[in-house]
């Protein structure tokens, strides 16, 4: 469209009014945009504050979870160490009982051999005493009593040995074993 310049006051007034209206519209749009920017800035500030709060809570939750995890790991390690120490003590006690049982068996065997030798010699003495029964009747009665005592003593030693064997078996049965659940927890923590 070709614009022709017209002269006259009316034309300037119309042109001026159009420019004034355009300028007023621009100012109104600028003010509306400024209100929108202000609203968006307030919303951004609110969102940033909420995000900061949520981030702080999340950081605290992570720190708490890490602290709980560390505490659980320390507790599990302590339990494993205590269980290992208990097992070592039980093994030492079991070894002590084994040694005592073995010593008791050796002593019982030695005592039985010694008593068997004594019984043999007493029986020999008894056989020679029977040929001289009239003169040695009193000796014969004492030898018989002594033989009876010696025959009872080996059975008491065998009973003691059996009792010590039973105690060793009981201690072995009572010895704690590492629980499968604790071993699994440790494996998971060490990964």
C-alpha atoms as a PDB file:
ATOM      1  CA  UNK A   1       0.000   0.000   0.000  1.00  0.00           C
ATOM      2  CA  UNK A   2       1.368   3.314  -0.967  1.00  0.00           C
ATOM      3  CA  UNK A   3       1.141   5.974   1.583  1.00  0.00           C
ATOM      4  CA  UNK A   4       0.548   9.431   0.510  1.00  0.00           C
ATOM      5  CA  UNK A   5       1.445  12.235   2.737  1.00  0.00           C
ATOM      6  CA  UNK A   6      -1.392  14.425   3.385  1.00  0.00           C
ATOM      7  CA  UNK A   7      -0.958  17.672   4.999  1.00  0.00           C
ATOM      8  CA  UNK A   8      -3.097  19.158   7.519  1.00  0.00           C
ATOM      9  CA  UNK A   9      -3.753  19.251  11.216  1.00  0.00           C
ATOM     10  CA  UNK A  10      -6.282  16.505  11.101  1.00  0.00           C
ATOM     11  CA  UNK A  11      -3.871  14.055   9.668  1.00  0.00           C
ATOM     12  CA  UNK A  12      -1.285  14.767  12.388  1.00  0.00           C
ATOM     13  CA  UNK A  13      -3.877  14.393  15.105  1.00  0.00           C
ATOM     14  CA  UNK A  14      -4.954  11.009  13.732  1.00  0.00           C
ATOM     15  CA  UNK A  15      -1.348   9.900  13.341  1.00  0.00           C
ATOM     16  CA  UNK A  16      -0.518  11.129  16.785  1.00  0.00           C
ATOM     17  CA  UNK A  17      -3.534   9.363  18.310  1.00  0.00           C
ATOM     18  CA  UNK A  18      -2.564   6.100  16.573  1.00  0.00           C
ATOM     19  CA  UNK A  19       0.982   6.357  17.901  1.00  0.00           C
ATOM     20  CA  UNK A  20      -0.262   7.234  21.369  1.00  0.00           C
ATOM     21  CA  UNK A  21      -2.588   4.214  21.367  1.00  0.00           C
ATOM     22  CA  UNK A  22       0.198   1.935  20.076  1.00  0.00           C
ATOM     23  CA  UNK A  23       2.516   3.266  22.773  1.00  0.00           C
ATOM     24  CA  UNK A  24      -0.159   2.779  25.473  1.00  0.00           C
ATOM     25  CA  UNK A  25      -0.724  -0.801  24.227  1.00  0.00           C
ATOM     26  CA  UNK A  26       3.032  -1.447  24.362  1.00  0.00           C
ATOM     27  CA  UNK A  27       3.197  -0.074  27.904  1.00  0.00           C
ATOM     28  CA  UNK A  28       0.206  -2.201  28.928  1.00  0.00           C
ATOM     29  CA  UNK A  29       1.804  -5.327  27.356  1.00  0.00           C
ATOM     30  CA  UNK A  30       5.097  -4.439  29.067  1.00  0.00           C
ATOM     31  CA  UNK A  31       3.342  -4.091  32.428  1.00  0.00           C
ATOM     32  CA  UNK A  32       1.521  -7.403  31.896  1.00  0.00           C
ATOM     33  CA  UNK A  33       4.806  -9.082  30.977  1.00  0.00           C
ATOM     34  CA  UNK A  34       6.436  -7.527  34.052  1.00  0.00           C
ATOM     35  CA  UNK A  35       3.607  -8.924  36.255  1.00  0.00           C
ATOM     36  CA  UNK A  36       4.087 -12.347  34.652  1.00  0.00           C
ATOM     37  CA  UNK A  37       7.858 -12.148  35.190  1.00  0.00           C
ATOM     38  CA  UNK A  38       7.285 -11.143  38.829  1.00  0.00           C
ATOM     39  CA  UNK A  39       4.828 -14.048  39.307  1.00  0.00           C
ATOM     40  CA  UNK A  40       7.204 -16.505  37.616  1.00  0.00           C
ATOM     41  CA  UNK A  41      10.112 -15.199  39.720  1.00  0.00           C
ATOM     42  CA  UNK A  42       8.065 -15.715  42.919  1.00  0.00           C
ATOM     43  CA  UNK A  43       7.097 -19.206  41.747  1.00  0.00           C
ATOM     44  CA  UNK A  44      10.760 -19.958  40.892  1.00  0.00           C
ATOM     45  CA  UNK A  45      11.855 -18.718  44.338  1.00  0.00           C
ATOM     46  CA  UNK A  46       9.180 -20.882  45.978  1.00  0.00           C
ATOM     47  CA  UNK A  47      10.208 -23.914  43.909  1.00  0.00           C
ATOM     48  CA  UNK A  48      13.882 -23.336  44.724  1.00  0.00           C
ATOM     49  CA  UNK A  49      13.090 -23.089  48.435  1.00  0.00           C
ATOM     50  CA  UNK A  50      10.997 -26.292  48.288  1.00  0.00           C
ATOM     51  CA  UNK A  51      13.751 -28.028  46.318  1.00  0.00           C
ATOM     52  CA  UNK A  52      16.346 -26.901  48.871  1.00  0.00           C
ATOM     53  CA  UNK A  53      14.182 -28.230  51.716  1.00  0.00           C
ATOM     54  CA  UNK A  54      13.628 -31.533  49.909  1.00  0.00           C
ATOM     55  CA  UNK A  55      17.315 -31.760  49.072  1.00  0.00           C
ATOM     56  CA  UNK A  56      18.224 -31.104  52.713  1.00  0.00           C
ATOM     57  CA  UNK A  57      15.793 -33.788  53.853  1.00  0.00           C
ATOM     58  CA  UNK A  58      17.148 -36.199  51.264  1.00  0.00           C
ATOM     59  CA  UNK A  59      20.737 -35.492  52.320  1.00  0.00           C
ATOM     60  CA  UNK A  60      19.795 -36.052  55.957  1.00  0.00           C
ATOM     61  CA  UNK A  61      17.980 -39.279  55.075  1.00  0.00           C
ATOM     62  CA  UNK A  62      21.040 -40.511  53.153  1.00  0.00           C
ATOM     63  CA  UNK A  63      23.336 -39.585  56.041  1.00  0.00           C
ATOM     64  CA  UNK A  64      21.025 -41.350  58.497  1.00  0.00           C
ATOM     65  CA  UNK A  65      20.882 -44.438  56.275  1.00  0.00           C
ATOM     66  CA  UNK A  66      24.681 -44.484  55.958  1.00  0.00           C
ATOM     67  CA  UNK A  67      25.039 -44.121  59.736  1.00  0.00           C
ATOM     68  CA  UNK A  68      22.555 -46.959  60.315  1.00  0.00           C
ATOM     69  CA  UNK A  69      24.388 -49.093  57.755  1.00  0.00           C
ATOM     70  CA  UNK A  70      27.730 -48.402  59.437  1.00  0.00           C
ATOM     71  CA  UNK A  71      26.260 -49.224  62.846  1.00  0.00           C
ATOM     72  CA  UNK A  72      24.738 -52.461  61.523  1.00  0.00           C
ATOM     73  CA  UNK A  73      28.067 -53.415  59.944  1.00  0.00           C
ATOM     74  CA  UNK A  74      29.940 -52.734  63.182  1.00  0.00           C
ATOM     75  CA  UNK A  75      27.376 -54.743  65.130  1.00  0.00           C
ATOM     76  CA  UNK A  76      27.574 -57.676  62.710  1.00  0.00           C
ATOM     77  CA  UNK A  77      31.374 -57.637  62.825  1.00  0.00           C
ATOM     78  CA  UNK A  78      31.261 -57.563  66.626  1.00  0.00           C
ATOM     79  CA  UNK A  79      28.820 -60.497  66.680  1.00  0.00           C
ATOM     80  CA  UNK A  80      31.042 -62.471  64.326  1.00  0.00           C
ATOM     81  CA  UNK A  81      34.108 -61.698  66.435  1.00  0.00           C
ATOM     82  CA  UNK A  82      32.314 -62.701  69.639  1.00  0.00           C
ATOM     83  CA  UNK A  83      31.122 -65.909  68.021  1.00  0.00           C
ATOM     84  CA  UNK A  84      34.651 -66.674  66.825  1.00  0.00           C
ATOM     85  CA  UNK A  85      36.054 -66.074  70.319  1.00  0.00           C
ATOM     86  CA  UNK A  86      33.360 -68.279  71.856  1.00  0.00           C
ATOM     87  CA  UNK A  87      34.121 -71.021  69.357  1.00  0.00           C
ATOM     88  CA  UNK A  88      37.854 -70.776  70.102  1.00  0.00           C
ATOM     89  CA  UNK A  89      37.204 -71.018  73.854  1.00  0.00           C
ATOM     90  CA  UNK A  90      34.945 -74.010  73.327  1.00  0.00           C
ATOM     91  CA  UNK A  91      37.565 -75.684  71.127  1.00  0.00           C
ATOM     92  CA  UNK A  92      40.223 -75.130  73.797  1.00  0.00           C
ATOM     93  CA  UNK A  93      37.908 -76.538  76.454  1.00  0.00           C
ATOM     94  CA  UNK A  94      37.132 -79.519  74.247  1.00  0.00           C
ATOM     95  CA  UNK A  95      40.850 -80.119  73.670  1.00  0.00           C
ATOM     96  CA  UNK A  96      41.427 -79.967  77.434  1.00  0.00           C
ATOM     97  CA  UNK A  97      38.670 -82.553  78.000  1.00  0.00           C
ATOM     98  CA  UNK A  98      40.139 -84.738  75.270  1.00  0.00           C
ATOM     99  CA  UNK A  99      43.547 -84.585  76.911  1.00  0.00           C
ATOM    100  CA  UNK A 100      42.025 -85.396  80.306  1.00  0.00           C
ATOM    101  CA  UNK A 101      40.068 -88.306  78.834  1.00  0.00           C
ATOM    102  CA  UNK A 102      43.170 -89.649  77.096  1.00  0.00           C
ATOM    103  CA  UNK A 103      45.215 -89.242  80.266  1.00  0.00           C
ATOM    104  CA  UNK A 104      42.490 -90.989  82.238  1.00  0.00           C
ATOM    105  CA  UNK A 105      42.427 -93.854  79.717  1.00  0.00           C
ATOM    106  CA  UNK A 106      46.208 -94.221  79.920  1.00  0.00           C
ATOM    107  CA  UNK A 107      46.089 -94.167  83.704  1.00  0.00           C
ATOM    108  CA  UNK A 108      43.247 -96.686  83.727  1.00  0.00           C
ATOM    109  CA  UNK A 109      45.152 -98.964  81.341  1.00  0.00           C
ATOM    110  CA  UNK A 110      48.357 -98.663  83.383  1.00  0.00           C
ATOM    111  CA  UNK A 111      46.439 -99.285  86.581  1.00  0.00           C
ATOM    112  CA  UNK A 112      44.704-102.291  85.011  1.00  0.00           C
ATOM    113  CA  UNK A 113      48.059-103.718  83.850  1.00  0.00           C
ATOM    114  CA  UNK A 114      49.623-103.121  87.230  1.00  0.00           C
ATOM    115  CA  UNK A 115      46.624-104.652  88.964  1.00  0.00           C
ATOM    116  CA  UNK A 116      46.656-107.601  86.569  1.00  0.00           C
ATOM    117  CA  UNK A 117      50.307-108.165  87.442  1.00  0.00           C
ATOM    118  CA  UNK A 118      49.485-107.857  91.119  1.00  0.00           C
ATOM    119  CA  UNK A 119      46.553-110.232  90.689  1.00  0.00           C
ATOM    120  CA  UNK A 120      48.849-112.701  88.915  1.00  0.00           C
ATOM    121  CA  UNK A 121      51.422-112.545  91.671  1.00  0.00           C
ATOM    122  CA  UNK A 122      48.710-112.801  94.322  1.00  0.00           C
ATOM    123  CA  UNK A 123      47.198-115.806  92.593  1.00  0.00           C
ATOM    124  CA  UNK A 124      50.641-117.396  92.486  1.00  0.00           C
ATOM    125  CA  UNK A 125      51.066-116.668  96.150  1.00  0.00           C
ATOM    126  CA  UNK A 126      47.597-118.075  96.737  1.00  0.00           C
ATOM    127  CA  UNK A 127      48.482-121.277  94.896  1.00  0.00           C
ATOM    128  CA  UNK A 128      51.593-121.803  97.037  1.00  0.00           C
ATOM    129  CA  UNK A 129      49.599-120.900 100.138  1.00  0.00           C
ATOM    130  CA  UNK A 130      47.036-123.593  99.384  1.00  0.00           C
ATOM    131  CA  UNK A 131      49.728-126.272  99.719  1.00  0.00           C
ATOM    132  CA  UNK A 132      50.482-125.000 103.191  1.00  0.00           C
ATOM    133  CA  UNK A 133      46.857-124.342 104.151  1.00  0.00           C
ATOM    134  CA  UNK A 134      47.062-125.404 107.718  1.00  0.00           C
ATOM    135  CA  UNK A 135      49.831-123.028 108.631  1.00  0.00           C
ATOM    136  CA  UNK A 136      48.829-120.130 106.321  1.00  0.00           C
ATOM    137  CA  UNK A 137      45.018-119.967 106.626  1.00  0.00           C
ATOM    138  CA  UNK A 138      45.059-116.387 107.884  1.00  0.00           C
ATOM    139  CA  UNK A 139      47.356-115.214 105.053  1.00  0.00           C
ATOM    140  CA  UNK A 140      45.079-116.856 102.549  1.00  0.00           C
ATOM    141  CA  UNK A 141      42.013-114.898 103.766  1.00  0.00           C
ATOM    142  CA  UNK A 142      43.926-111.581 103.567  1.00  0.00           C
ATOM    143  CA  UNK A 143      45.158-112.366 100.060  1.00  0.00           C
ATOM    144  CA  UNK A 144      41.592-113.165  98.942  1.00  0.00           C
ATOM    145  CA  UNK A 145      40.344-109.842 100.384  1.00  0.00           C
ATOM    146  CA  UNK A 146      43.176-107.942  98.690  1.00  0.00           C
ATOM    147  CA  UNK A 147      42.416-109.591  95.354  1.00  0.00           C
ATOM    148  CA  UNK A 148      38.735-108.588  95.632  1.00  0.00           C
ATOM    149  CA  UNK A 149      39.712-104.947  96.274  1.00  0.00           C
ATOM    150  CA  UNK A 150      42.044-104.885  93.289  1.00  0.00           C
ATOM    151  CA  UNK A 151      39.403-106.385  91.017  1.00  0.00           C
ATOM    152  CA  UNK A 152      36.948-103.597  91.952  1.00  0.00           C
ATOM    153  CA  UNK A 153      39.412-100.736  91.303  1.00  0.00           C
ATOM    154  CA  UNK A 154      39.797-101.290  87.512  1.00  0.00           C
ATOM    155  CA  UNK A 155      36.029-101.141  87.030  1.00  0.00           C
ATOM    156  CA  UNK A 156      35.922 -97.781  88.901  1.00  0.00           C
ATOM    157  CA  UNK A 157      38.671 -96.396  86.631  1.00  0.00           C
ATOM    158  CA  UNK A 158      36.787 -97.574  83.531  1.00  0.00           C
ATOM    159  CA  UNK A 159      33.608 -95.894  84.821  1.00  0.00           C
ATOM    160  CA  UNK A 160      35.534 -92.624  85.341  1.00  0.00           C
ATOM    161  CA  UNK A 161      36.943 -92.827  81.810  1.00  0.00           C
ATOM    162  CA  UNK A 162      33.453 -93.391  80.359  1.00  0.00           C
ATOM    163  CA  UNK A 163      32.125 -90.398  82.316  1.00  0.00           C
ATOM    164  CA  UNK A 164      34.903 -88.129  80.935  1.00  0.00           C
ATOM    165  CA  UNK A 165      34.149 -89.347  77.378  1.00  0.00           C
ATOM    166  CA  UNK A 166      30.478 -88.459  77.871  1.00  0.00           C
ATOM    167  CA  UNK A 167      31.415 -84.961  79.128  1.00  0.00           C
ATOM    168  CA  UNK A 168      33.620 -84.372  76.067  1.00  0.00           C
ATOM    169  CA  UNK A 169      30.749 -85.383  73.757  1.00  0.00           C
ATOM    170  CA  UNK A 170      28.376 -83.047  75.617  1.00  0.00           C
ATOM    171  CA  UNK A 171      30.788 -80.086  75.313  1.00  0.00           C
ATOM    172  CA  UNK A 172      31.268 -80.788  71.589  1.00  0.00           C
ATOM    173  CA  UNK A 173      27.477 -80.797  71.086  1.00  0.00           C
ATOM    174  CA  UNK A 174      27.133 -77.505  72.989  1.00  0.00           C
ATOM    175  CA  UNK A 175      29.874 -75.762  70.996  1.00  0.00           C
ATOM    176  CA  UNK A 176      28.218 -72.982  68.917  1.00  0.00           C
ATOM    177  CA  UNK A 177      28.477 -73.043  65.172  1.00  0.00           C
ATOM    178  CA  UNK A 178      28.435 -69.870  63.032  1.00  0.00           C
ATOM    179  CA  UNK A 179      24.912 -69.187  61.922  1.00  0.00           C
ATOM    180  CA  UNK A 180      24.220 -69.233  58.218  1.00  0.00           C
ATOM    181  CA  UNK A 181      22.353 -65.925  58.447  1.00  0.00           C
ATOM    182  CA  UNK A 182      25.369 -64.067  59.934  1.00  0.00           C
ATOM    183  CA  UNK A 183      27.683 -65.508  57.282  1.00  0.00           C
ATOM    184  CA  UNK A 184      25.304 -64.330  54.542  1.00  0.00           C
ATOM    185  CA  UNK A 185      25.075 -60.826  56.019  1.00  0.00           C
ATOM    186  CA  UNK A 186      28.863 -60.591  56.122  1.00  0.00           C
ATOM    187  CA  UNK A 187      29.173 -61.705  52.497  1.00  0.00           C
ATOM    188  CA  UNK A 188      26.616 -59.076  51.427  1.00  0.00           C
ATOM    189  CA  UNK A 189      28.378 -56.320  53.367  1.00  0.00           C
ATOM    190  CA  UNK A 190      31.796 -57.196  51.923  1.00  0.00           C
ATOM    191  CA  UNK A 191      30.602 -56.969  48.291  1.00  0.00           C
END
